[in-house]
Amino acid sequence: MFSLLPVIALALSASANPIISSPNGVLSSRELVGLQRRSKESSLNETALKPWVLVENLGNLSPYHVPDSDYTLELPETCVVDQVSLMQRHGSRLPLASEQIYSQNVSDLFKANASLLANVSGKYEFLKTWTTKQGHDDLTAPGRKQLFENGVNFNLSYPHLTTDVLLAGYQDRVVESAEWFQMGYFGQTWANDSTLNFILEDKYTYSYITPMNNCSLWQYAYGLGAVNEWNAVYLPPIAARLSSELPGFNFTLNNVHGMLYALAYELAAYGSTPWSGVFLQSEVEAFTYELDLLMNYAFGYGLPYNLGPVLGSLYVNTLLERLTNSTGNATEMYIEFGHDTTIDLALTALGLAKDTPNIPSTGPVNSTRAWSTSSQVPFGAKFVTERISCSSSSNSTNGTETFVRFLLNDAPFPITTCGSKMNASTGACPLDTFVEINAFSANITHATYDQVCNNTGTVFL
């Protein structure tokens, strides 16, 4: 854990190194990795066990990457995956309309004050010509590539399992992501070989993809409240530093937000950005913490009334039905498409990625916190649930033992709530134990869901 003071000190220190620097201000993804490693090694306040990489530390706005894991992907020879469920987040996108306005305002500010930039050089040279050209909400080229490659890789990962029916939340970027995945998974005959069904993302439909939409008590404002408290802590020092380095500008907190959004979303759209040379590592980490707070307090453990586990229970219940075949019609493969929020709420209902006490909205920032959207839900995130059957010499049914394992972004994600019964190598949990530890979700019916959410006078499908 590190306190807030080093963050502020680094932000105001003239000797602190920026994340990276480049003669032309634009770096490729490969260059980003190498230079960020050197930046981490020269950090004034931290000794890292792993090199710090910018593109892997932008919260839920990070491009897709595989996080570290202490567990193995390899299964014993006596084990086989006999069922798999994939919840796939959409690929990298442009900023939301509510975010894009911040970068647009910064772009307009520089354009209106071009004379103040006449003598700037070095890492700020690009501001003389920089302008935001991004729209909003749509998938980017890297986002389309992520989903196509995810489709190919999922096909190769489970060649013995198959399905020809997929499900997507009915939102443009989610549907387009599903279609790129289909192309990768099924090839050029994808339109004939598979069917993509949709589920509405509205307040009238019970959906485990967007459960918050039909919960009357849920508010996005819960997340914004935590964000506003943290913004009052970490943004002023950044605004002061940038204002001192660019005389004539008196940057507001909203201006700084616009620049940070430009950093993240230009990486998401183009794979590189000159903004990467402007911010210090500590400043980006504080921005990442803002994104973690937003997701935690709007779609996780920070929600009041125990809404996080209740909302996430819709998906966990679905998994339980599939894993146990309680309905009698479970299939061997499920491929579904949703959002970062879908995965975050599911993890909350499962009791995973949990910090005790919860991450505070005013800091200090715990760099080893369990809740990390950079590793949980980058763009193109994949939450995979495997049912694994293993031959056994015990007297269990049919001479086999059945386990559940999670893969989060292609890395084993341990089911720590399984306790001492969790496999120390794979992070898997015996199916019967998994069912027991998720009794809370299993007991959430539509009636109890409506009661907790205070749903009255509305008919849900």
Protein backbone atom coordinates (compact mmCIF):
# COMPACT_ATOMS: atom_id res chain seq x y z
CA MET A 1 0.00 0.00 0.00
CA PHE A 2 1.21 3.50 -0.70
CA SER A 3 -0.14 6.74 0.66
CA LEU A 4 -1.51 9.66 -1.29
CA LEU A 5 1.50 11.86 -0.47
CA PRO A 6 3.92 10.20 -2.91
CA VAL A 7 1.35 10.61 -5.67
CA ILE A 8 1.02 14.33 -5.00
CA ALA A 9 4.76 14.75 -4.56
CA LEU A 10 5.50 13.07 -7.85
CA ALA A 11 2.87 15.12 -9.60
CA LEU A 12 4.45 18.37 -8.43
CA SER A 13 8.07 17.37 -8.70
CA ALA A 14 9.97 18.80 -11.63
CA SER A 15 12.43 15.92 -11.40
CA ALA A 16 9.82 13.18 -11.64
CA ASN A 17 10.02 11.27 -14.90
CA PRO A 18 6.99 11.11 -17.17
CA ILE A 19 5.78 7.70 -18.20
CA ILE A 20 7.62 7.85 -21.48
CA SER A 21 9.21 10.34 -23.80
CA SER A 22 9.76 10.35 -27.54
CA PRO A 23 11.27 12.80 -30.03
CA ASN A 24 8.04 12.91 -32.04
CA GLY A 25 5.69 12.24 -29.13
CA VAL A 26 4.09 9.19 -30.79
CA LEU A 27 5.00 5.65 -29.81
CA SER A 28 3.95 2.27 -31.09
CA SER A 29 2.53 -0.32 -28.71
CA ARG A 30 5.86 -2.18 -28.76
CA GLU A 31 7.76 1.00 -27.91
CA LEU A 32 5.29 1.77 -25.14
CA VAL A 33 6.06 -1.49 -23.38
CA GLY A 34 9.83 -1.06 -23.50
CA LEU A 35 9.89 2.55 -22.39
CA GLN A 36 7.37 2.03 -19.62
CA ARG A 37 9.57 -0.73 -18.22
CA ARG A 38 12.48 1.70 -18.01
CA SER A 39 10.21 4.30 -16.40
CA LYS A 40 9.17 1.82 -13.72
CA GLU A 41 12.77 0.90 -13.02
CA SER A 42 13.60 4.56 -12.42
CA SER A 43 10.58 5.24 -10.20
CA LEU A 44 11.41 7.34 -7.15
CA ASN A 45 8.91 5.70 -4.84
CA GLU A 46 8.38 2.08 -5.80
CA THR A 47 10.31 -1.13 -6.27
CA ALA A 48 8.38 -3.30 -8.71
CA LEU A 49 8.33 -7.05 -9.01
CA LYS A 50 6.88 -6.69 -12.50
CA PRO A 51 7.57 -3.92 -15.04
CA TRP A 52 4.75 -1.40 -15.20
CA VAL A 53 3.09 -1.21 -18.61
CA LEU A 54 0.78 1.67 -19.51
CA VAL A 55 -1.56 -0.25 -21.78
CA GLU A 56 -2.18 -2.81 -19.02
CA ASN A 57 -3.00 -0.19 -16.39
CA LEU A 58 -5.88 1.91 -17.71
CA GLY A 59 -8.70 0.26 -15.81
CA ASN A 60 -11.66 -0.88 -17.86
CA LEU A 61 -10.34 1.30 -20.72
CA SER A 62 -7.23 -0.89 -21.10
CA PRO A 63 -6.77 -2.74 -24.40
CA TYR A 64 -7.16 -6.50 -24.09
CA HIS A 65 -4.28 -8.27 -22.38
CA VAL A 66 -3.69 -11.44 -20.40
CA PRO A 67 -3.09 -10.73 -16.68
CA ASP A 68 -0.64 -12.55 -14.46
CA SER A 69 -1.83 -15.63 -12.61
CA ASP A 70 -0.25 -17.93 -10.05
CA TYR A 71 -2.27 -20.85 -11.37
CA THR A 72 -1.76 -23.18 -14.31
CA LEU A 73 -3.87 -23.55 -17.44
CA GLU A 74 -2.80 -27.16 -17.81
CA LEU A 75 -5.21 -29.82 -16.59
CA PRO A 76 -4.27 -33.35 -15.48
CA GLU A 77 -4.45 -35.97 -18.24
CA THR A 78 -7.41 -37.55 -16.49
CA CYS A 79 -9.47 -34.37 -16.75
CA VAL A 80 -11.48 -32.88 -19.60
CA VAL A 81 -13.62 -29.76 -20.01
CA ASP A 82 -17.11 -31.03 -20.83
CA GLN A 83 -18.97 -27.71 -20.66
CA VAL A 84 -17.90 -24.10 -21.15
CA SER A 85 -19.67 -20.75 -20.81
CA LEU A 86 -18.18 -17.55 -22.20
CA MET A 87 -19.29 -14.06 -21.22
CA GLN A 88 -17.47 -11.78 -23.65
CA ARG A 89 -17.17 -8.02 -23.25
CA HIS A 90 -17.30 -5.91 -26.40
CA GLY A 91 -14.01 -4.79 -27.91
CA SER A 92 -12.22 -1.45 -27.62
CA ARG A 93 -14.59 1.43 -28.32
CA LEU A 94 -14.58 5.16 -28.72
CA PRO A 95 -15.42 7.25 -25.64
CA LEU A 96 -18.97 7.46 -24.41
CA ALA A 97 -20.67 10.68 -25.43
CA SER A 98 -20.51 11.81 -21.80
CA GLU A 99 -16.72 11.31 -21.84
CA GLN A 100 -15.97 12.60 -25.33
CA ILE A 101 -17.17 16.09 -24.46
CA TYR A 102 -14.28 16.49 -22.00
CA SER A 103 -11.64 15.80 -24.66
CA GLN A 104 -13.49 17.96 -27.16
CA ASN A 105 -13.47 20.89 -24.75
CA VAL A 106 -9.73 20.49 -24.22
CA SER A 107 -9.20 20.37 -27.98
CA ASP A 108 -11.20 23.57 -28.37
CA LEU A 109 -9.22 25.20 -25.55
CA PHE A 110 -5.89 24.59 -27.27
CA LYS A 111 -7.24 25.74 -30.61
CA ALA A 112 -8.59 28.97 -29.14
CA ASN A 113 -5.27 29.69 -27.41
CA ALA A 114 -2.85 28.65 -30.13
CA SER A 115 -0.62 31.66 -29.45
CA LEU A 116 0.23 30.27 -26.01
CA LEU A 117 1.66 27.19 -27.68
CA ALA A 118 3.95 28.99 -30.10
CA ASN A 119 7.11 28.32 -28.08
CA VAL A 120 6.33 24.95 -26.55
CA SER A 121 8.60 22.03 -27.41
CA GLY A 122 9.47 18.52 -26.33
CA LYS A 123 6.65 16.46 -24.92
CA TYR A 124 4.14 19.30 -25.54
CA GLU A 125 5.14 19.98 -29.16
CA PHE A 126 2.22 17.90 -30.46
CA LEU A 127 -0.31 20.28 -28.92
CA LYS A 128 0.34 22.78 -31.70
CA THR A 129 -1.54 20.54 -34.11
CA TRP A 130 -3.41 18.13 -31.88
CA THR A 131 -7.17 17.93 -32.07
CA THR A 132 -9.56 15.18 -31.11
CA LYS A 133 -11.14 13.55 -34.13
CA GLN A 134 -13.00 10.84 -32.31
CA GLY A 135 -16.69 10.20 -32.35
CA HIS A 136 -18.30 8.22 -29.57
CA ASP A 137 -19.51 4.78 -28.52
CA ASP A 138 -18.58 2.78 -31.65
CA LEU A 139 -16.04 -0.02 -31.84
CA THR A 140 -12.54 0.90 -32.95
CA ALA A 141 -10.37 -1.01 -35.43
CA PRO A 142 -8.40 -2.64 -32.57
CA GLY A 143 -11.75 -3.54 -30.98
CA ARG A 144 -12.87 -5.36 -34.10
CA LYS A 145 -9.55 -7.19 -34.25
CA GLN A 146 -9.79 -8.20 -30.58
CA LEU A 147 -13.14 -9.88 -31.09
CA PHE A 148 -12.16 -11.62 -34.33
CA GLU A 149 -9.05 -13.03 -32.65
CA ASN A 150 -11.06 -14.02 -29.57
CA GLY A 151 -13.37 -15.99 -31.84
CA VAL A 152 -10.46 -17.81 -33.47
CA ASN A 153 -8.80 -18.54 -30.14
CA PHE A 154 -12.00 -19.78 -28.50
CA ASN A 155 -12.51 -22.22 -31.37
CA LEU A 156 -8.97 -23.52 -30.94
CA SER A 157 -9.28 -23.75 -27.14
CA TYR A 158 -12.31 -26.06 -27.17
CA PRO A 159 -12.24 -28.04 -30.43
CA HIS A 160 -14.26 -30.87 -28.86
CA LEU A 161 -17.16 -28.60 -27.89
CA THR A 162 -19.43 -26.54 -30.09
CA THR A 163 -22.58 -24.48 -30.42
CA ASP A 164 -24.28 -22.67 -33.25
CA VAL A 165 -26.43 -20.34 -31.12
CA LEU A 166 -25.02 -17.19 -29.53
CA LEU A 167 -26.60 -14.44 -27.42
CA ALA A 168 -25.83 -10.71 -27.30
CA GLY A 169 -27.15 -7.75 -25.39
CA TYR A 170 -29.01 -5.55 -27.85
CA GLN A 171 -26.59 -2.64 -28.11
CA ASP A 172 -24.72 -1.67 -31.27
CA ARG A 173 -21.15 -2.23 -30.06
CA VAL A 174 -22.10 -5.48 -28.36
CA VAL A 175 -23.87 -6.83 -31.45
CA GLU A 176 -21.00 -5.80 -33.73
CA SER A 177 -18.52 -7.44 -31.36
CA ALA A 178 -20.54 -10.65 -31.51
CA GLU A 179 -20.49 -10.58 -35.31
CA TRP A 180 -16.70 -10.16 -35.46
CA PHE A 181 -16.39 -13.04 -32.99
CA GLN A 182 -18.64 -15.17 -35.20
CA MET A 183 -16.40 -14.47 -38.19
CA GLY A 184 -13.35 -15.58 -36.23
CA TYR A 185 -14.99 -18.65 -34.73
CA PHE A 186 -16.99 -19.96 -37.72
CA GLY A 187 -15.08 -18.50 -40.68
CA GLN A 188 -16.52 -17.18 -43.93
CA THR A 189 -19.75 -19.18 -43.55
CA TRP A 190 -20.47 -17.69 -40.12
CA ALA A 191 -23.81 -16.17 -41.18
CA ASN A 192 -25.11 -19.57 -42.32
CA ASP A 193 -23.47 -21.70 -39.64
CA SER A 194 -24.60 -19.78 -36.56
CA THR A 195 -27.51 -17.83 -35.14
CA LEU A 196 -27.08 -14.70 -33.06
CA ASN A 197 -29.98 -14.02 -30.72
CA PHE A 198 -30.49 -10.80 -28.80
CA ILE A 199 -31.76 -9.81 -25.38
CA LEU A 200 -33.05 -6.31 -24.80
CA GLU A 201 -31.14 -3.96 -22.52
CA ASP A 202 -34.12 -2.12 -21.08
CA LYS A 203 -35.97 -1.74 -17.81
CA TYR A 204 -38.66 -4.25 -18.75
CA THR A 205 -36.45 -7.30 -19.34
CA TYR A 206 -34.85 -9.54 -16.73
CA SER A 207 -31.35 -9.84 -18.16
CA TYR A 208 -28.17 -11.14 -16.55
CA ILE A 209 -26.27 -9.08 -19.12
CA THR A 210 -27.65 -5.75 -17.86
CA PRO A 211 -29.40 -6.59 -14.57
CA MET A 212 -29.13 -3.03 -13.21
CA ASN A 213 -31.54 -1.77 -15.87
CA ASN A 214 -34.52 -3.45 -14.25
CA CYS A 215 -33.65 -2.63 -10.65
CA SER A 216 -35.46 0.50 -9.50
CA LEU A 217 -33.03 1.17 -6.64
CA TRP A 218 -29.92 1.07 -8.81
CA GLN A 219 -28.33 4.39 -9.79
CA TYR A 220 -25.20 5.16 -11.76
CA ALA A 221 -24.88 8.08 -9.37
CA TYR A 222 -23.61 5.69 -6.70
CA GLY A 223 -20.44 5.32 -8.72
CA LEU A 224 -20.21 8.98 -9.63
CA GLY A 225 -20.38 9.96 -5.97
CA ALA A 226 -17.27 7.92 -5.17
CA VAL A 227 -15.53 9.25 -8.28
CA ASN A 228 -16.21 12.86 -7.36
CA GLU A 229 -14.68 12.37 -3.93
CA TRP A 230 -11.51 10.87 -5.41
CA ASN A 231 -11.31 13.49 -8.17
CA ALA A 232 -11.14 16.21 -5.52
CA VAL A 233 -8.04 14.46 -4.16
CA TYR A 234 -5.98 13.50 -7.20
CA LEU A 235 -6.86 15.91 -10.02
CA PRO A 236 -5.82 19.29 -8.47
CA PRO A 237 -2.09 18.41 -8.27
CA ILE A 238 -2.11 17.31 -11.91
CA ALA A 239 -3.88 20.50 -12.98
CA ALA A 240 -1.32 22.55 -11.05
CA ARG A 241 1.62 20.75 -12.63
CA LEU A 242 0.33 21.05 -16.18
CA SER A 243 -0.61 24.70 -15.70
CA SER A 244 2.90 25.48 -14.47
CA GLU A 245 4.48 23.69 -17.42
CA LEU A 246 2.22 25.39 -19.96
CA PRO A 247 2.21 29.09 -18.92
CA GLY A 248 -0.94 30.98 -19.73
CA PHE A 249 -3.23 28.02 -19.24
CA ASN A 250 -5.10 27.63 -16.00
CA PHE A 251 -6.36 24.09 -16.42
CA THR A 252 -9.53 23.00 -14.67
CA LEU A 253 -10.16 19.54 -13.28
CA ASN A 254 -12.43 18.89 -16.26
CA ASN A 255 -9.58 19.84 -18.60
CA VAL A 256 -7.34 17.26 -16.94
CA HIS A 257 -10.08 14.67 -17.27
CA GLY A 258 -10.31 15.44 -20.97
CA MET A 259 -6.58 14.85 -21.38
CA LEU A 260 -6.70 11.55 -19.48
CA TYR A 261 -9.62 10.39 -21.59
CA ALA A 262 -7.65 11.36 -24.69
CA LEU A 263 -4.74 9.24 -23.44
CA ALA A 264 -6.88 6.16 -22.89
CA TYR A 265 -9.13 6.42 -25.91
CA GLU A 266 -6.44 7.26 -28.44
CA LEU A 267 -4.66 4.10 -27.34
CA ALA A 268 -7.95 2.23 -27.74
CA ALA A 269 -8.48 3.61 -31.25
CA TYR A 270 -5.00 3.97 -32.71
CA GLY A 271 -2.64 1.91 -30.56
CA SER A 272 -0.51 4.96 -29.77
CA THR A 273 -0.90 8.49 -28.43
CA PRO A 274 1.33 11.53 -27.78
CA TRP A 275 -0.45 11.98 -24.45
CA SER A 276 1.55 9.06 -23.09
CA GLY A 277 4.52 11.38 -22.66
CA VAL A 278 2.59 13.95 -20.66
CA PHE A 279 1.47 12.06 -17.57
CA LEU A 280 3.47 10.54 -14.74
CA GLN A 281 3.00 6.92 -13.79
CA SER A 282 1.54 7.93 -10.43
CA GLU A 283 -0.99 10.17 -12.18
CA VAL A 284 -2.14 7.36 -14.46
CA GLU A 285 -2.42 5.05 -11.48
CA ALA A 286 -4.64 7.61 -9.76
CA PHE A 287 -6.80 7.80 -12.91
CA THR A 288 -7.00 4.01 -12.95
CA TYR A 289 -8.15 4.09 -9.33
CA GLU A 290 -10.92 6.48 -10.36
CA LEU A 291 -12.11 3.93 -12.92
CA ASP A 292 -11.93 1.16 -10.32
CA LEU A 293 -14.01 3.25 -7.92
CA LEU A 294 -16.62 3.94 -10.59
CA MET A 295 -17.07 0.27 -11.39
CA ASN A 296 -16.93 -0.84 -7.75
CA TYR A 297 -19.48 1.65 -6.44
CA ALA A 298 -21.82 1.43 -9.43
CA PHE A 299 -21.43 -2.27 -10.34
CA GLY A 300 -19.77 -3.97 -7.40
CA TYR A 301 -19.22 -4.14 -3.68
CA GLY A 302 -19.68 -0.39 -3.18
CA LEU A 303 -23.38 -0.47 -4.08
CA PRO A 304 -25.78 0.09 -1.15
CA TYR A 305 -28.54 -2.29 -0.05
CA ASN A 306 -26.39 -5.30 -1.05
CA LEU A 307 -27.39 -4.58 -4.64
CA GLY A 308 -24.08 -5.81 -6.12
CA PRO A 309 -24.49 -9.48 -5.13
CA VAL A 310 -28.22 -9.36 -5.87
CA LEU A 311 -27.77 -7.97 -9.39
CA GLY A 312 -24.89 -10.34 -10.12
CA SER A 313 -26.91 -13.30 -8.88
CA LEU A 314 -28.85 -13.39 -12.15
CA TYR A 315 -25.76 -14.57 -14.03
CA VAL A 316 -24.49 -16.79 -11.22
CA ASN A 317 -27.88 -18.49 -11.08
CA THR A 318 -27.65 -19.08 -14.82
CA LEU A 319 -24.23 -20.67 -14.37
CA LEU A 320 -25.53 -22.91 -11.57
CA GLU A 321 -28.40 -24.12 -13.76
CA ARG A 322 -26.00 -24.95 -16.58
CA LEU A 323 -23.34 -26.59 -14.44
CA THR A 324 -25.83 -28.83 -12.62
CA ASN A 325 -28.21 -29.23 -15.57
CA SER A 326 -31.05 -28.53 -13.17
CA THR A 327 -33.39 -27.68 -16.06
CA GLY A 328 -32.54 -30.85 -17.99
CA ASN A 329 -31.65 -28.98 -21.18
CA ALA A 330 -28.11 -27.71 -20.57
CA THR A 331 -25.77 -27.75 -23.56
CA GLU A 332 -22.00 -28.13 -23.82
CA MET A 333 -21.14 -24.58 -24.88
CA TYR A 334 -22.54 -21.08 -24.31
CA ILE A 335 -21.21 -17.96 -26.02
CA GLU A 336 -22.65 -14.64 -24.89
CA PHE A 337 -21.76 -10.98 -25.27
CA GLY A 338 -22.19 -8.17 -22.79
CA HIS A 339 -20.31 -5.51 -20.89
CA ASP A 340 -17.63 -4.94 -18.29
CA THR A 341 -20.49 -4.35 -15.88
CA THR A 342 -21.84 -7.85 -16.56
CA ILE A 343 -18.57 -9.41 -15.45
CA ASP A 344 -18.02 -7.08 -12.50
CA LEU A 345 -21.47 -7.80 -11.07
CA ALA A 346 -20.95 -11.54 -11.53
CA LEU A 347 -17.63 -11.41 -9.66
CA THR A 348 -19.38 -9.49 -6.88
CA ALA A 349 -22.12 -12.10 -6.53
CA LEU A 350 -19.41 -14.79 -6.49
CA GLY A 351 -17.58 -12.99 -3.67
CA LEU A 352 -14.39 -12.73 -5.75
CA ALA A 353 -12.03 -9.78 -6.38
CA LYS A 354 -13.12 -8.54 -2.95
CA ASP A 355 -11.26 -6.12 -0.69
CA THR A 356 -12.04 -6.02 3.02
CA PRO A 357 -12.66 -3.25 3.82
CA ASN A 358 -13.80 -2.06 0.40
CA ILE A 359 -11.59 0.32 -1.56
CA PRO A 360 -12.07 3.85 -0.12
CA SER A 361 -13.25 6.75 -2.27
CA THR A 362 -10.72 9.17 -0.77
CA GLY A 363 -7.68 6.91 -0.82
CA PRO A 364 -5.07 5.92 0.02
CA VAL A 365 -4.61 3.69 -3.01
CA ASN A 366 -3.69 0.09 -2.31
CA SER A 367 -1.58 -0.96 -5.29
CA THR A 368 -2.22 -4.65 -4.51
CA ARG A 369 -6.02 -4.31 -4.21
CA ALA A 370 -8.11 -7.28 -5.29
CA TRP A 371 -10.58 -5.16 -7.30
CA SER A 372 -8.67 -4.18 -10.42
CA THR A 373 -10.61 -3.41 -13.58
CA SER A 374 -7.36 -3.32 -15.56
CA SER A 375 -7.06 -7.09 -15.15
CA GLN A 376 -10.76 -7.93 -14.66
CA VAL A 377 -12.47 -6.14 -17.52
CA PRO A 378 -10.19 -4.61 -20.17
CA PHE A 379 -11.78 -4.07 -23.56
CA GLY A 380 -12.55 -7.48 -25.06
CA ALA A 381 -12.58 -9.12 -21.62
CA LYS A 382 -13.47 -12.82 -21.45
CA PHE A 383 -15.03 -14.50 -18.43
CA VAL A 384 -14.99 -18.26 -19.01
CA THR A 385 -16.59 -20.87 -16.78
CA GLU A 386 -15.39 -24.43 -17.36
CA ARG A 387 -16.98 -27.59 -16.02
CA ILE A 388 -14.24 -30.17 -15.71
CA SER A 389 -14.73 -33.91 -15.35
CA CYS A 390 -11.86 -35.94 -13.91
CA SER A 391 -11.49 -39.71 -13.68
CA SER A 392 -11.38 -40.77 -10.06
CA SER A 393 -10.54 -43.84 -8.02
CA SER A 394 -13.05 -42.79 -5.36
CA ASN A 395 -16.61 -43.99 -5.01
CA SER A 396 -18.11 -40.84 -6.48
CA THR A 397 -20.82 -41.06 -9.13
CA ASN A 398 -19.70 -42.78 -12.36
CA GLY A 399 -16.15 -42.85 -11.02
CA THR A 400 -15.64 -39.17 -11.85
CA GLU A 401 -15.21 -35.94 -9.98
CA THR A 402 -16.54 -32.67 -11.34
CA PHE A 403 -14.94 -29.26 -10.86
CA VAL A 404 -15.62 -25.65 -11.82
CA ARG A 405 -12.85 -23.35 -12.99
CA PHE A 406 -12.83 -19.71 -14.06
CA LEU A 407 -10.57 -18.21 -16.70
CA LEU A 408 -10.54 -14.42 -16.69
CA ASN A 409 -8.94 -13.01 -19.84
CA ASP A 410 -7.22 -16.31 -20.61
CA ALA A 411 -5.69 -16.58 -17.13
CA PRO A 412 -6.88 -18.96 -14.39
CA PHE A 413 -8.87 -16.98 -11.81
CA PRO A 414 -8.92 -18.86 -8.49
CA ILE A 415 -12.23 -19.55 -6.76
CA THR A 416 -10.90 -18.52 -3.37
CA THR A 417 -14.34 -18.75 -1.76
CA CYS A 418 -13.95 -22.52 -2.14
CA GLY A 419 -11.52 -22.39 0.77
CA SER A 420 -9.36 -25.42 1.48
CA LYS A 421 -11.14 -27.42 -1.22
CA MET A 422 -9.80 -25.19 -3.99
CA ASN A 423 -7.22 -26.95 -6.14
CA ALA A 424 -3.88 -25.33 -5.39
CA SER A 425 -2.65 -25.79 -8.96
CA THR A 426 -5.61 -24.83 -11.13
CA GLY A 427 -7.73 -22.70 -8.78
CA ALA A 428 -10.71 -24.96 -9.53
CA CYS A 429 -13.47 -25.85 -7.04
CA PRO A 430 -15.44 -29.09 -6.71
CA LEU A 431 -18.87 -28.60 -8.27
CA ASP A 432 -20.79 -29.61 -5.14
CA THR A 433 -18.79 -27.12 -3.05
CA PHE A 434 -19.27 -24.43 -5.70
CA VAL A 435 -23.03 -24.91 -5.47
CA GLU A 436 -22.92 -24.69 -1.67
CA ILE A 437 -20.87 -21.49 -1.52
CA ASN A 438 -23.23 -19.80 -3.99
CA ALA A 439 -26.41 -20.54 -2.08
CA PHE A 440 -27.05 -16.79 -1.77
CA SER A 441 -27.42 -16.44 -5.55
CA ALA A 442 -29.42 -19.65 -5.81
CA ASN A 443 -31.95 -18.27 -3.31
CA ILE A 444 -32.54 -15.04 -5.25
CA THR A 445 -35.84 -15.52 -7.08
CA HIS A 446 -37.65 -12.96 -9.21
CA ALA A 447 -39.80 -12.15 -6.19
CA THR A 448 -36.85 -11.52 -3.86
CA TYR A 449 -35.06 -9.62 -6.62
CA ASP A 450 -38.03 -7.30 -7.04
CA GLN A 451 -38.29 -6.89 -3.28
CA VAL A 452 -34.64 -5.89 -2.87
CA CYS A 453 -34.81 -3.58 -5.90
CA ASN A 454 -38.11 -2.07 -4.77
CA ASN A 455 -39.67 -2.93 -8.14
CA THR A 456 -43.35 -2.08 -7.91
CA GLY A 457 -45.95 -1.40 -10.54
CA THR A 458 -43.77 -2.59 -13.44
CA VAL A 459 -44.26 -5.81 -15.38
CA PHE A 460 -40.97 -7.54 -16.23
CA LEU A 461 -40.54 -10.15 -18.93
